[in-house]
Amino acid sequence: MVRTVARKWKTAKTLSPADLLLVVTCWWMIGVSSLIIALLASRHILRRLGANRGAMIASPPNTARQMAHAERIGRAIGIAGRHAPFRADCYPQALTAALLCQGFGVPHAVQFGARFAAANSARTGKLEAHAWVSSGSLTVCGGQASPQRFGTVACFVHLPRSDRSRVID
């Protein structure tokens, strides 16, 4: 227990105060997102994620500043998700990433995918679902290989007001 606390303290000391605040904010938001998922129907959540592009893979372009914000958000969500005592799988992390990207003015796409479990898995034949958020060439959360590992079933694109003139193909 003491070693664990010491290790976490050492990690926390390497973060800037702004990044540490972002990690704490992410931790709290993942918990709230988990609660929202448990209480609200999916249709109420999904309509706030952005324009529904259907079953396509999209990743809106971003500027260098937006990319830096997306990277910070992704790192903070990764740290917060590992230390959460509540549901912190891909879906609440994706909701948290989407809300933070909206707040920082980062164009992003929230994507939902599915696949059948691998033959060597204990869940052979079961359908697995996954959610991830991408912005430009970066996967903010959900893993870099998600688009290759899961077939996209829904994609919600959000562009900040300043970027709405851009066309997404």
Foldseek 3Di string as FASTA:
>chain_A
DVVVVVVVVVVLVVDDPVLNVLLVVLLVQLVVLLVCPVPDDVVVLVVPLAAKPFQDDFAEEDDPVLVVQLQSLLVSLVVSLVPHPDDNFQRSSLSSSSVSSQVVQAKKKKWKFKDADDPPDPRGRDIDIHIWMHHRQDTSDGDNCVVVVTRTGIMHIDGHPVCPVDDID
